[in-house]
């Protein structure tokens, strides 16, 4: 009887590469499929990804696991866009305008995904967006320290407000109440209007985040 070796037990490089390609294809196809039908099945997503349904289930045990993975990829992509927009460069208010504009444009493929995830409990949604919030927090705190953003509320308030505004605008787009261009302008003006410091909001909050 032949004995297996370590090399026999290791996955073949070709199989690993095939698995990585199929995973990437599924994650790339899912946002577009969900945009057309937020209730799309695993079979439909598999068809658009160019794989069989069994391949989808090999990577994701159920639809929720797939949604979680697609959401994590979307959040990671938007976070990368925020970082490329250089939130640490220049005046904080100008930097926030630049970052919000870039992030909103990056969300174009993900409005249906936003709608799916708004059904989650608030705490879970906050956890999902931890990367994005982490990329924005230093900018918010920098603006507060410079007197450009309101300091009478903690940075966490500004971050929660931005997330709520962006998700609310995404919902208006999904129901056809507003177009993309107008939504982008409205989100930008609403965010800047909410965070910008005023004389009465110049003093730090006694409960400021640490």
N, C-alpha and C. Protein backbone atom coordinates (compact mmCIF):
# COMPACT_ATOMS: atom_id res chain seq x y z
N UNK A 1 0.86 -1.19 0.00
CA UNK A 1 0.00 0.00 0.00
C UNK A 1 0.89 1.23 0.00
N UNK A 2 0.59 2.18 -0.91
CA UNK A 2 1.42 3.37 -1.02
C UNK A 2 1.13 4.33 0.11
N UNK A 3 2.17 5.03 0.52
CA UNK A 3 2.02 6.01 1.59
C UNK A 3 1.89 7.41 0.99
N UNK A 4 0.98 8.21 1.56
CA UNK A 4 0.84 9.58 1.08
C UNK A 4 1.94 10.42 1.67
N UNK A 5 2.38 11.39 0.93
CA UNK A 5 3.42 12.31 1.39
C UNK A 5 2.79 13.66 1.69
N UNK A 6 3.61 14.56 2.30
CA UNK A 6 3.12 15.91 2.59
C UNK A 6 2.67 16.61 1.33
N UNK A 7 3.42 16.38 0.23
CA UNK A 7 3.05 17.05 -1.02
C UNK A 7 1.73 16.54 -1.55
N UNK A 8 1.42 15.24 -1.29
CA UNK A 8 0.14 14.69 -1.72
C UNK A 8 -1.01 15.35 -0.96
N UNK A 9 -0.78 15.64 0.32
CA UNK A 9 -1.85 16.17 1.15
C UNK A 9 -2.08 17.67 0.93
N UNK A 10 -1.06 18.37 0.40
CA UNK A 10 -1.22 19.80 0.18
C UNK A 10 -2.09 20.05 -1.05
N UNK A 11 -2.98 21.06 -1.01
CA UNK A 11 -3.78 21.36 -2.19
C UNK A 11 -2.88 21.74 -3.36
N UNK A 12 -3.21 21.25 -4.54
CA UNK A 12 -2.41 21.57 -5.71
C UNK A 12 -2.53 23.06 -6.00
N UNK A 13 -1.42 23.71 -6.40
CA UNK A 13 -1.48 25.15 -6.70
C UNK A 13 -2.56 25.50 -7.71
N UNK A 14 -2.77 24.62 -8.69
CA UNK A 14 -3.78 24.92 -9.71
C UNK A 14 -5.18 24.94 -9.10
N UNK A 15 -5.45 23.97 -8.18
CA UNK A 15 -6.77 23.95 -7.53
C UNK A 15 -6.98 25.20 -6.68
N UNK A 16 -5.92 25.63 -5.98
CA UNK A 16 -6.03 26.84 -5.18
C UNK A 16 -6.30 28.05 -6.06
N UNK A 17 -5.60 28.13 -7.19
CA UNK A 17 -5.79 29.26 -8.10
C UNK A 17 -7.20 29.25 -8.67
N UNK A 18 -7.71 28.06 -9.01
CA UNK A 18 -9.08 27.95 -9.53
C UNK A 18 -10.09 28.41 -8.48
N UNK A 19 -9.86 28.00 -7.23
CA UNK A 19 -10.78 28.39 -6.15
C UNK A 19 -10.75 29.90 -5.93
N UNK A 20 -9.57 30.49 -6.00
CA UNK A 20 -9.46 31.94 -5.83
C UNK A 20 -10.16 32.67 -6.96
N UNK A 21 -10.01 32.16 -8.18
CA UNK A 21 -10.67 32.80 -9.33
C UNK A 21 -12.18 32.70 -9.22
N UNK A 22 -12.68 31.54 -8.81
CA UNK A 22 -14.13 31.38 -8.70
C UNK A 22 -14.68 32.26 -7.58
N UNK A 23 -13.95 32.36 -6.47
CA UNK A 23 -14.37 33.24 -5.38
C UNK A 23 -14.43 34.69 -5.85
N UNK A 24 -13.39 35.13 -6.56
CA UNK A 24 -13.37 36.51 -7.06
C UNK A 24 -14.51 36.77 -8.03
N UNK A 25 -14.81 35.78 -8.89
CA UNK A 25 -15.90 35.94 -9.85
C UNK A 25 -17.24 36.07 -9.15
N UNK A 26 -17.45 35.28 -8.11
CA UNK A 26 -18.71 35.32 -7.36
C UNK A 26 -18.87 36.68 -6.66
N UNK A 27 -17.81 37.13 -5.99
CA UNK A 27 -17.89 38.40 -5.27
C UNK A 27 -18.04 39.58 -6.23
N UNK A 28 -17.48 39.46 -7.43
CA UNK A 28 -17.62 40.53 -8.42
C UNK A 28 -19.02 40.56 -9.03
N UNK A 29 -19.60 39.39 -9.25
CA UNK A 29 -20.91 39.32 -9.90
C UNK A 29 -22.06 39.67 -8.96
N UNK A 30 -21.93 39.31 -7.70
CA UNK A 30 -23.05 39.43 -6.77
C UNK A 30 -23.63 40.84 -6.66
N UNK A 31 -22.84 41.92 -6.52
CA UNK A 31 -23.45 43.25 -6.41
C UNK A 31 -24.32 43.62 -7.60
N UNK A 32 -23.88 43.24 -8.81
CA UNK A 32 -24.67 43.57 -10.00
C UNK A 32 -25.96 42.76 -10.06
N UNK A 33 -25.88 41.49 -9.67
CA UNK A 33 -27.07 40.64 -9.66
C UNK A 33 -28.07 41.17 -8.62
N UNK A 34 -27.57 41.52 -7.44
CA UNK A 34 -28.44 42.02 -6.38
C UNK A 34 -29.03 43.38 -6.73
N UNK A 35 -28.32 44.16 -7.54
CA UNK A 35 -28.86 45.45 -7.98
C UNK A 35 -30.11 45.25 -8.82
N UNK A 36 -30.12 44.17 -9.61
CA UNK A 36 -31.30 43.87 -10.42
C UNK A 36 -32.39 43.18 -9.65
N UNK A 37 -32.00 42.41 -8.64
CA UNK A 37 -32.96 41.67 -7.84
C UNK A 37 -32.36 41.42 -6.46
N UNK A 38 -32.72 42.23 -5.46
CA UNK A 38 -32.15 42.06 -4.12
C UNK A 38 -32.42 40.71 -3.49
N UNK A 39 -33.41 39.98 -4.01
CA UNK A 39 -33.72 38.65 -3.49
C UNK A 39 -33.13 37.54 -4.37
N UNK A 40 -32.17 37.87 -5.22
CA UNK A 40 -31.59 36.89 -6.15
C UNK A 40 -31.08 35.66 -5.40
N UNK A 41 -31.27 34.52 -6.02
CA UNK A 41 -30.86 33.25 -5.41
C UNK A 41 -29.38 32.97 -5.65
N UNK A 42 -28.88 31.99 -4.94
CA UNK A 42 -27.50 31.55 -5.15
C UNK A 42 -27.31 31.04 -6.58
N UNK A 43 -28.34 30.40 -7.12
CA UNK A 43 -28.26 29.88 -8.49
C UNK A 43 -28.10 31.02 -9.48
N UNK A 44 -28.85 32.09 -9.30
CA UNK A 44 -28.77 33.23 -10.21
C UNK A 44 -27.40 33.89 -10.12
N UNK A 45 -26.90 34.05 -8.92
CA UNK A 45 -25.57 34.65 -8.74
C UNK A 45 -24.51 33.76 -9.37
N UNK A 46 -24.63 32.44 -9.19
CA UNK A 46 -23.68 31.51 -9.79
C UNK A 46 -23.67 31.64 -11.31
N UNK A 47 -24.87 31.73 -11.90
CA UNK A 47 -24.96 31.84 -13.36
C UNK A 47 -24.25 33.09 -13.87
N UNK A 48 -24.45 34.22 -13.21
CA UNK A 48 -23.80 35.45 -13.64
C UNK A 48 -22.30 35.43 -13.38
N UNK A 49 -21.87 34.66 -12.40
CA UNK A 49 -20.44 34.56 -12.11
C UNK A 49 -19.74 33.57 -13.03
N UNK A 50 -20.52 32.81 -13.79
CA UNK A 50 -19.94 31.82 -14.70
C UNK A 50 -19.47 30.56 -14.00
N UNK A 51 -20.12 30.23 -12.87
CA UNK A 51 -19.78 29.01 -12.14
C UNK A 51 -21.07 28.23 -11.88
N UNK A 52 -20.93 27.00 -11.43
CA UNK A 52 -22.11 26.20 -11.08
C UNK A 52 -22.49 26.50 -9.64
N UNK A 53 -23.74 26.20 -9.29
CA UNK A 53 -24.23 26.51 -7.95
C UNK A 53 -23.40 25.82 -6.88
N UNK A 54 -22.94 24.61 -7.16
CA UNK A 54 -22.15 23.86 -6.17
C UNK A 54 -20.87 24.62 -5.82
N UNK A 55 -20.32 25.34 -6.78
CA UNK A 55 -19.11 26.11 -6.51
C UNK A 55 -19.40 27.25 -5.53
N UNK A 56 -20.55 27.89 -5.68
CA UNK A 56 -20.92 28.95 -4.75
C UNK A 56 -21.05 28.37 -3.35
N UNK A 57 -21.71 27.23 -3.24
CA UNK A 57 -21.90 26.61 -1.93
C UNK A 57 -20.59 26.06 -1.35
N UNK A 58 -19.63 25.80 -2.21
CA UNK A 58 -18.33 25.36 -1.71
C UNK A 58 -17.65 26.50 -0.92
N UNK A 59 -17.89 27.73 -1.36
CA UNK A 59 -17.29 28.89 -0.69
C UNK A 59 -18.19 29.45 0.42
N UNK A 60 -19.51 29.37 0.21
CA UNK A 60 -20.45 30.01 1.13
C UNK A 60 -21.56 29.01 1.47
N UNK A 61 -21.71 28.66 2.75
CA UNK A 61 -22.69 27.62 3.11
C UNK A 61 -24.13 28.02 2.87
N UNK A 62 -24.41 29.34 2.89
CA UNK A 62 -25.78 29.79 2.64
C UNK A 62 -25.75 31.21 2.09
N UNK A 63 -26.93 31.72 1.74
CA UNK A 63 -27.01 33.05 1.11
C UNK A 63 -26.51 34.14 2.04
N UNK A 64 -26.81 34.03 3.33
CA UNK A 64 -26.38 35.06 4.26
C UNK A 64 -24.86 35.13 4.34
N UNK A 65 -24.20 34.00 4.29
CA UNK A 65 -22.74 33.99 4.30
C UNK A 65 -22.19 34.69 3.06
N UNK A 66 -22.86 34.50 1.93
CA UNK A 66 -22.45 35.18 0.70
C UNK A 66 -22.66 36.69 0.83
N UNK A 67 -23.83 37.09 1.34
CA UNK A 67 -24.11 38.52 1.53
C UNK A 67 -23.06 39.14 2.46
N UNK A 68 -22.71 38.43 3.52
CA UNK A 68 -21.70 38.94 4.46
C UNK A 68 -20.36 39.15 3.76
N UNK A 69 -19.97 38.20 2.92
CA UNK A 69 -18.69 38.30 2.22
C UNK A 69 -18.71 39.43 1.20
N UNK A 70 -19.81 39.56 0.48
CA UNK A 70 -19.93 40.64 -0.51
C UNK A 70 -19.91 41.99 0.19
N UNK A 71 -20.58 42.08 1.32
CA UNK A 71 -20.59 43.33 2.09
C UNK A 71 -19.19 43.68 2.58
N UNK A 72 -18.48 42.69 3.10
CA UNK A 72 -17.12 42.93 3.58
C UNK A 72 -16.22 43.41 2.44
N UNK A 73 -16.40 42.84 1.25
CA UNK A 73 -15.61 43.26 0.08
C UNK A 73 -15.98 44.68 -0.32
N UNK A 74 -17.26 45.02 -0.28
CA UNK A 74 -17.70 46.37 -0.63
C UNK A 74 -17.14 47.40 0.35
N UNK A 75 -17.21 47.08 1.63
CA UNK A 75 -16.68 48.00 2.65
C UNK A 75 -15.18 48.18 2.47
N UNK A 76 -14.49 47.09 2.18
CA UNK A 76 -13.04 47.17 1.95
C UNK A 76 -12.73 48.04 0.73
N UNK A 77 -13.51 47.87 -0.33
CA UNK A 77 -13.30 48.66 -1.55
C UNK A 77 -13.53 50.15 -1.28
N UNK A 78 -14.60 50.49 -0.57
CA UNK A 78 -14.91 51.89 -0.29
C UNK A 78 -13.85 52.47 0.65
N UNK A 79 -13.38 51.69 1.60
CA UNK A 79 -12.31 52.15 2.50
C UNK A 79 -11.05 52.48 1.71
N UNK A 80 -10.71 51.64 0.73
CA UNK A 80 -9.54 51.91 -0.10
C UNK A 80 -9.71 53.20 -0.89
N UNK A 81 -10.93 53.45 -1.36
CA UNK A 81 -11.21 54.69 -2.09
C UNK A 81 -11.02 55.90 -1.17
N UNK A 82 -11.51 55.79 0.06
CA UNK A 82 -11.34 56.87 1.04
C UNK A 82 -9.86 57.14 1.28
N UNK A 83 -9.08 56.11 1.43
CA UNK A 83 -7.65 56.30 1.69
C UNK A 83 -6.94 56.91 0.50
N UNK A 84 -7.36 56.52 -0.72
CA UNK A 84 -6.74 57.11 -1.92
C UNK A 84 -7.12 58.58 -2.08
N UNK A 85 -8.23 59.00 -1.48
CA UNK A 85 -8.66 60.40 -1.55
C UNK A 85 -7.87 61.29 -0.59
N UNK A 86 -6.94 60.72 0.14
CA UNK A 86 -6.01 61.46 1.00
C UNK A 86 -6.73 62.30 2.07
N UNK A 87 -7.40 61.65 3.00
CA UNK A 87 -8.12 62.39 4.03
C UNK A 87 -7.22 63.21 4.95
N UNK A 88 -5.93 62.92 4.95
CA UNK A 88 -5.01 63.67 5.82
C UNK A 88 -4.37 64.86 5.11
N UNK A 89 -4.77 65.13 3.88
CA UNK A 89 -4.17 66.23 3.11
C UNK A 89 -5.03 67.48 3.16
N UNK A 90 -4.41 68.60 3.48
CA UNK A 90 -5.05 69.90 3.36
C UNK A 90 -6.08 70.20 4.44
N UNK A 91 -6.84 71.26 4.19
CA UNK A 91 -7.89 71.70 5.12
C UNK A 91 -8.88 70.56 5.37
N UNK A 92 -9.29 70.39 6.62
CA UNK A 92 -10.15 69.27 6.99
C UNK A 92 -11.49 69.32 6.25
N UNK A 93 -12.07 70.50 6.11
CA UNK A 93 -13.37 70.59 5.44
C UNK A 93 -13.24 70.23 3.96
N UNK A 94 -12.19 70.72 3.32
CA UNK A 94 -11.96 70.37 1.92
C UNK A 94 -11.66 68.87 1.77
N UNK A 95 -10.91 68.33 2.72
CA UNK A 95 -10.59 66.91 2.67
C UNK A 95 -11.85 66.06 2.84
N UNK A 96 -12.75 66.48 3.74
CA UNK A 96 -13.99 65.72 3.94
C UNK A 96 -14.85 65.76 2.68
N UNK A 97 -14.92 66.92 2.04
CA UNK A 97 -15.69 67.03 0.80
C UNK A 97 -15.12 66.09 -0.27
N UNK A 98 -13.81 66.05 -0.36
CA UNK A 98 -13.15 65.19 -1.34
C UNK A 98 -13.41 63.71 -1.04
N UNK A 99 -13.31 63.35 0.22
CA UNK A 99 -13.49 61.96 0.63
C UNK A 99 -14.94 61.51 0.45
N UNK A 100 -15.89 62.33 0.87
CA UNK A 100 -17.30 61.96 0.74
C UNK A 100 -17.68 61.80 -0.73
N UNK A 101 -17.20 62.70 -1.57
CA UNK A 101 -17.49 62.60 -3.00
C UNK A 101 -16.94 61.30 -3.58
N UNK A 102 -15.70 60.99 -3.26
CA UNK A 102 -15.09 59.76 -3.79
C UNK A 102 -15.81 58.52 -3.27
N UNK A 103 -16.13 58.51 -1.98
CA UNK A 103 -16.79 57.35 -1.39
C UNK A 103 -18.19 57.15 -1.98
N UNK A 104 -18.91 58.25 -2.17
CA UNK A 104 -20.26 58.14 -2.73
C UNK A 104 -20.22 57.55 -4.14
N UNK A 105 -19.28 58.02 -4.95
CA UNK A 105 -19.16 57.48 -6.31
C UNK A 105 -18.82 56.00 -6.30
N UNK A 106 -17.99 55.59 -5.33
CA UNK A 106 -17.62 54.17 -5.23
C UNK A 106 -18.80 53.30 -4.83
N UNK A 107 -19.81 53.92 -4.20
CA UNK A 107 -20.98 53.15 -3.75
C UNK A 107 -21.98 52.86 -4.85
N UNK A 108 -21.72 53.35 -6.04
CA UNK A 108 -22.70 53.25 -7.12
C UNK A 108 -23.21 51.83 -7.33
N UNK A 109 -22.34 50.83 -7.20
CA UNK A 109 -22.72 49.43 -7.44
C UNK A 109 -23.38 48.79 -6.23
N UNK A 110 -23.37 49.48 -5.10
CA UNK A 110 -23.71 48.82 -3.85
C UNK A 110 -25.02 49.28 -3.21
N UNK A 111 -25.85 50.04 -3.93
CA UNK A 111 -27.07 50.55 -3.31
C UNK A 111 -28.01 49.41 -2.88
N UNK A 112 -28.13 48.39 -3.71
CA UNK A 112 -28.98 47.25 -3.32
C UNK A 112 -28.42 46.55 -2.10
N UNK A 113 -27.11 46.44 -2.03
CA UNK A 113 -26.47 45.80 -0.88
C UNK A 113 -26.72 46.61 0.39
N UNK A 114 -26.69 47.94 0.27
CA UNK A 114 -27.01 48.81 1.41
C UNK A 114 -28.42 48.50 1.90
N UNK A 115 -29.36 48.39 0.96
CA UNK A 115 -30.75 48.11 1.33
C UNK A 115 -30.90 46.78 2.05
N UNK A 116 -30.19 45.77 1.59
CA UNK A 116 -30.25 44.46 2.23
C UNK A 116 -29.74 44.55 3.66
N UNK A 117 -28.64 45.29 3.85
CA UNK A 117 -28.01 45.34 5.17
C UNK A 117 -28.70 46.28 6.14
N UNK A 118 -29.56 47.17 5.65
CA UNK A 118 -30.27 48.04 6.59
C UNK A 118 -31.31 47.26 7.40
N UNK A 119 -31.56 46.04 7.02
CA UNK A 119 -32.48 45.19 7.80
C UNK A 119 -31.80 44.65 9.06
N UNK A 120 -30.50 44.80 9.15
CA UNK A 120 -29.77 44.28 10.29
C UNK A 120 -29.94 45.18 11.51
N UNK A 121 -29.71 44.65 12.71
CA UNK A 121 -29.69 45.50 13.91
C UNK A 121 -28.61 46.58 13.78
N UNK A 122 -28.85 47.71 14.42
CA UNK A 122 -27.95 48.86 14.31
C UNK A 122 -26.52 48.49 14.69
N UNK A 123 -26.35 47.75 15.76
CA UNK A 123 -25.01 47.38 16.21
C UNK A 123 -24.25 46.58 15.17
N UNK A 124 -24.94 45.68 14.48
CA UNK A 124 -24.30 44.88 13.44
C UNK A 124 -23.86 45.76 12.29
N UNK A 125 -24.71 46.72 11.92
CA UNK A 125 -24.35 47.63 10.84
C UNK A 125 -23.11 48.44 11.20
N UNK A 126 -23.03 48.90 12.44
CA UNK A 126 -21.86 49.64 12.88
C UNK A 126 -20.60 48.77 12.77
N UNK A 127 -20.71 47.51 13.18
CA UNK A 127 -19.57 46.60 13.09
C UNK A 127 -19.15 46.38 11.64
N UNK A 128 -20.14 46.25 10.75
CA UNK A 128 -19.84 46.06 9.34
C UNK A 128 -19.01 47.20 8.76
N UNK A 129 -19.27 48.40 9.23
CA UNK A 129 -18.65 49.59 8.65
C UNK A 129 -17.45 50.09 9.47
N UNK A 130 -16.91 49.23 10.30
CA UNK A 130 -15.82 49.64 11.18
C UNK A 130 -14.60 50.13 10.38
N UNK A 131 -14.29 49.47 9.26
CA UNK A 131 -13.15 49.90 8.45
C UNK A 131 -13.36 51.31 7.91
N UNK A 132 -14.55 51.57 7.37
CA UNK A 132 -14.84 52.89 6.83
C UNK A 132 -14.80 53.94 7.92
N UNK A 133 -15.42 53.65 9.05
CA UNK A 133 -15.42 54.61 10.15
C UNK A 133 -14.01 54.86 10.68
N UNK A 134 -13.21 53.81 10.69
CA UNK A 134 -11.83 53.96 11.13
C UNK A 134 -11.02 54.85 10.19
N UNK A 135 -11.32 54.78 8.89
CA UNK A 135 -10.62 55.63 7.93
C UNK A 135 -11.05 57.09 8.03
N UNK A 136 -12.30 57.33 8.46
CA UNK A 136 -12.83 58.69 8.55
C UNK A 136 -12.53 59.37 9.89
N UNK A 137 -12.41 58.58 10.95
CA UNK A 137 -12.28 59.17 12.29
C UNK A 137 -11.11 60.15 12.42
N UNK A 138 -9.90 59.82 11.95
CA UNK A 138 -8.80 60.79 12.12
C UNK A 138 -9.10 62.13 11.44
N UNK A 139 -9.79 62.10 10.32
CA UNK A 139 -10.15 63.34 9.63
C UNK A 139 -11.15 64.14 10.46
N UNK A 140 -12.15 63.48 11.00
CA UNK A 140 -13.13 64.17 11.84
C UNK A 140 -12.43 64.78 13.06
N UNK A 141 -11.59 64.03 13.71
CA UNK A 141 -10.90 64.52 14.90
C UNK A 141 -9.95 65.67 14.55
N UNK A 142 -9.32 65.58 13.39
CA UNK A 142 -8.44 66.67 12.95
C UNK A 142 -9.24 67.95 12.71
N UNK A 143 -10.42 67.81 12.10
CA UNK A 143 -11.26 68.97 11.88
C UNK A 143 -11.78 69.58 13.17
N UNK A 144 -12.08 68.73 14.14
CA UNK A 144 -12.52 69.23 15.44
C UNK A 144 -11.40 69.99 16.13
N UNK A 145 -10.20 69.43 16.09
CA UNK A 145 -9.05 70.08 16.75
C UNK A 145 -8.71 71.42 16.11
N UNK A 146 -8.96 71.52 14.79
CA UNK A 146 -8.66 72.76 14.07
C UNK A 146 -9.80 73.77 14.15
N UNK A 147 -10.89 73.40 14.78
CA UNK A 147 -12.03 74.31 14.86
C UNK A 147 -12.88 74.36 13.61
N UNK A 148 -12.67 73.41 12.70
CA UNK A 148 -13.43 73.38 11.45
C UNK A 148 -14.72 72.58 11.59
N UNK A 149 -14.70 71.56 12.47
CA UNK A 149 -15.89 70.73 12.68
C UNK A 149 -16.39 70.92 14.11
N UNK A 150 -17.66 70.70 14.28
CA UNK A 150 -18.27 70.84 15.60
C UNK A 150 -17.54 69.97 16.62
N UNK A 151 -17.21 70.59 17.75
CA UNK A 151 -16.56 69.86 18.83
C UNK A 151 -17.47 69.68 20.03
N UNK A 152 -18.73 70.15 19.92
CA UNK A 152 -19.66 69.99 21.04
C UNK A 152 -20.30 68.62 21.06
N UNK A 153 -20.01 67.81 20.04
CA UNK A 153 -20.46 66.41 20.01
C UNK A 153 -19.24 65.55 19.73
N UNK A 154 -19.23 64.30 20.16
CA UNK A 154 -18.06 63.44 19.93
C UNK A 154 -17.90 63.06 18.47
N UNK A 155 -16.71 62.64 18.10
CA UNK A 155 -16.45 62.20 16.73
C UNK A 155 -17.38 61.06 16.34
N UNK A 156 -17.70 60.19 17.29
CA UNK A 156 -18.59 59.06 16.99
C UNK A 156 -19.96 59.52 16.52
N UNK A 157 -20.41 60.68 17.03
CA UNK A 157 -21.69 61.23 16.58
C UNK A 157 -21.61 61.62 15.11
N UNK A 158 -20.54 62.33 14.75
CA UNK A 158 -20.37 62.72 13.36
C UNK A 158 -20.31 61.50 12.44
N UNK A 159 -19.59 60.48 12.87
CA UNK A 159 -19.46 59.27 12.05
C UNK A 159 -20.81 58.57 11.88
N UNK A 160 -21.57 58.45 12.96
CA UNK A 160 -22.89 57.82 12.87
C UNK A 160 -23.82 58.63 11.98
N UNK A 161 -23.73 59.96 12.07
CA UNK A 161 -24.57 60.83 11.24
C UNK A 161 -24.22 60.67 9.76
N UNK A 162 -22.92 60.62 9.45
CA UNK A 162 -22.50 60.46 8.06
C UNK A 162 -23.01 59.13 7.50
N UNK A 163 -22.86 58.06 8.29
CA UNK A 163 -23.33 56.75 7.85
C UNK A 163 -24.84 56.77 7.60
N UNK A 164 -25.59 57.41 8.51
CA UNK A 164 -27.05 57.47 8.36
C UNK A 164 -27.45 58.29 7.13
N UNK A 165 -26.77 59.41 6.90
CA UNK A 165 -27.09 60.23 5.73
C UNK A 165 -26.81 59.49 4.43
N UNK A 166 -25.66 58.84 4.37
CA UNK A 166 -25.30 58.11 3.16
C UNK A 166 -26.29 56.97 2.89
N UNK A 167 -26.64 56.23 3.94
CA UNK A 167 -27.59 55.13 3.77
C UNK A 167 -28.98 55.65 3.44
N UNK A 168 -29.37 56.77 4.03
CA UNK A 168 -30.67 57.36 3.70
C UNK A 168 -30.74 57.79 2.25
N UNK A 169 -29.66 58.42 1.77
CA UNK A 169 -29.63 58.84 0.36
C UNK A 169 -29.65 57.64 -0.57
N UNK A 170 -28.95 56.58 -0.18
CA UNK A 170 -28.98 55.35 -0.97
C UNK A 170 -30.40 54.80 -1.08
N UNK A 171 -31.14 54.88 0.02
CA UNK A 171 -32.53 54.42 0.01
C UNK A 171 -33.40 55.25 -0.92
N UNK A 172 -33.16 56.56 -0.96
CA UNK A 172 -33.92 57.44 -1.86
C UNK A 172 -33.63 57.10 -3.32
N UNK A 173 -32.40 56.75 -3.61
CA UNK A 173 -32.05 56.33 -4.97
C UNK A 173 -32.75 55.02 -5.31
N UNK A 174 -32.76 54.08 -4.40
CA UNK A 174 -33.39 52.78 -4.67
C UNK A 174 -34.86 52.92 -4.97
N UNK A 175 -35.53 53.85 -4.30
CA UNK A 175 -36.97 53.99 -4.57
C UNK A 175 -37.27 55.00 -5.68
N UNK A 176 -36.23 55.51 -6.31
CA UNK A 176 -36.39 56.38 -7.47
C UNK A 176 -36.82 57.79 -7.14
N UNK A 177 -36.61 58.23 -5.90
CA UNK A 177 -37.03 59.57 -5.49
C UNK A 177 -36.03 60.64 -5.87
N UNK A 178 -34.81 60.25 -6.19
CA UNK A 178 -33.75 61.21 -6.47
C UNK A 178 -32.73 60.57 -7.39
N UNK A 179 -32.13 61.36 -8.25
CA UNK A 179 -31.11 60.83 -9.15
C UNK A 179 -29.74 60.83 -8.52
N UNK A 180 -28.80 60.13 -9.16
CA UNK A 180 -27.46 59.99 -8.61
C UNK A 180 -26.76 61.34 -8.43
N UNK A 181 -26.83 62.19 -9.44
CA UNK A 181 -26.10 63.46 -9.36
C UNK A 181 -26.65 64.35 -8.25
N UNK A 182 -27.98 64.45 -8.19
CA UNK A 182 -28.59 65.27 -7.14
C UNK A 182 -28.32 64.67 -5.76
N UNK A 183 -28.35 63.35 -5.67
CA UNK A 183 -28.08 62.69 -4.39
C UNK A 183 -26.65 62.98 -3.93
N UNK A 184 -25.71 62.95 -4.85
CA UNK A 184 -24.32 63.24 -4.48
C UNK A 184 -24.19 64.66 -3.93
N UNK A 185 -24.81 65.62 -4.60
CA UNK A 185 -24.73 67.00 -4.12
C UNK A 185 -25.43 67.16 -2.78
N UNK A 186 -26.56 66.48 -2.63
CA UNK A 186 -27.32 66.58 -1.39
C UNK A 186 -26.57 65.95 -0.22
N UNK A 187 -25.95 64.79 -0.46
CA UNK A 187 -25.18 64.14 0.59
C UNK A 187 -24.02 65.03 1.03
N UNK A 188 -23.32 65.58 0.06
CA UNK A 188 -22.16 66.41 0.37
C UNK A 188 -22.57 67.65 1.17
N UNK A 189 -23.60 68.36 0.70
CA UNK A 189 -24.02 69.58 1.41
C UNK A 189 -24.58 69.24 2.79
N UNK A 190 -25.28 68.12 2.91
CA UNK A 190 -25.86 67.73 4.20
C UNK A 190 -24.77 67.36 5.21
N UNK A 191 -23.78 66.59 4.75
CA UNK A 191 -22.68 66.21 5.65
C UNK A 191 -21.90 67.43 6.11
N UNK A 192 -21.51 68.28 5.16
CA UNK A 192 -20.73 69.46 5.52
C UNK A 192 -21.53 70.42 6.40
N UNK A 193 -22.82 70.55 6.10
CA UNK A 193 -23.65 71.42 6.92
C UNK A 193 -23.79 70.91 8.35
N UNK A 194 -23.80 69.60 8.49
CA UNK A 194 -23.98 69.01 9.83
C UNK A 194 -22.71 69.06 10.67
N UNK A 195 -21.54 68.91 10.04
CA UNK A 195 -20.32 68.82 10.82
C UNK A 195 -19.62 70.16 11.02
N UNK A 196 -19.92 71.13 10.15
CA UNK A 196 -19.18 72.40 10.20
C UNK A 196 -19.41 73.13 11.52
N UNK A 197 -18.32 73.63 12.08
CA UNK A 197 -18.38 74.31 13.38
C UNK A 197 -19.10 75.64 13.25
N UNK A 198 -19.86 75.97 14.26
CA UNK A 198 -20.50 77.28 14.40
C UNK A 198 -20.04 77.87 15.73
N UNK A 199 -20.20 79.18 15.93
CA UNK A 199 -19.72 79.77 17.20
C UNK A 199 -20.29 79.08 18.43
N UNK A 200 -21.57 78.71 18.37
CA UNK A 200 -22.17 78.07 19.55
C UNK A 200 -21.75 76.62 19.71
N UNK A 201 -21.12 76.05 18.68
CA UNK A 201 -20.69 74.64 18.76
C UNK A 201 -19.18 74.53 18.77
N UNK A 202 -18.52 75.56 19.27
CA UNK A 202 -17.06 75.58 19.24
C UNK A 202 -16.43 74.84 20.42
N UNK A 203 -17.13 74.75 21.52
CA UNK A 203 -16.56 74.14 22.71
C UNK A 203 -16.67 72.63 22.67
N UNK A 204 -15.61 71.92 23.09
CA UNK A 204 -15.67 70.45 23.11
C UNK A 204 -16.76 69.96 24.06
N UNK A 205 -17.33 68.82 23.70
CA UNK A 205 -18.31 68.19 24.56
C UNK A 205 -17.63 67.61 25.79
N UNK A 206 -18.27 67.71 26.97
CA UNK A 206 -17.67 67.09 28.17
C UNK A 206 -17.57 65.58 28.04
N UNK A 207 -18.34 64.99 27.12
CA UNK A 207 -18.33 63.54 26.92
C UNK A 207 -17.60 63.17 25.62
N UNK A 208 -16.67 64.05 25.22
CA UNK A 208 -15.94 63.81 23.98
C UNK A 208 -15.27 62.46 23.98
N UNK A 209 -15.25 61.81 22.77
CA UNK A 209 -14.59 60.51 22.65
C UNK A 209 -13.13 60.62 23.08
N UNK A 210 -12.64 59.57 23.67
CA UNK A 210 -11.22 59.52 24.02
C UNK A 210 -10.50 58.57 23.10
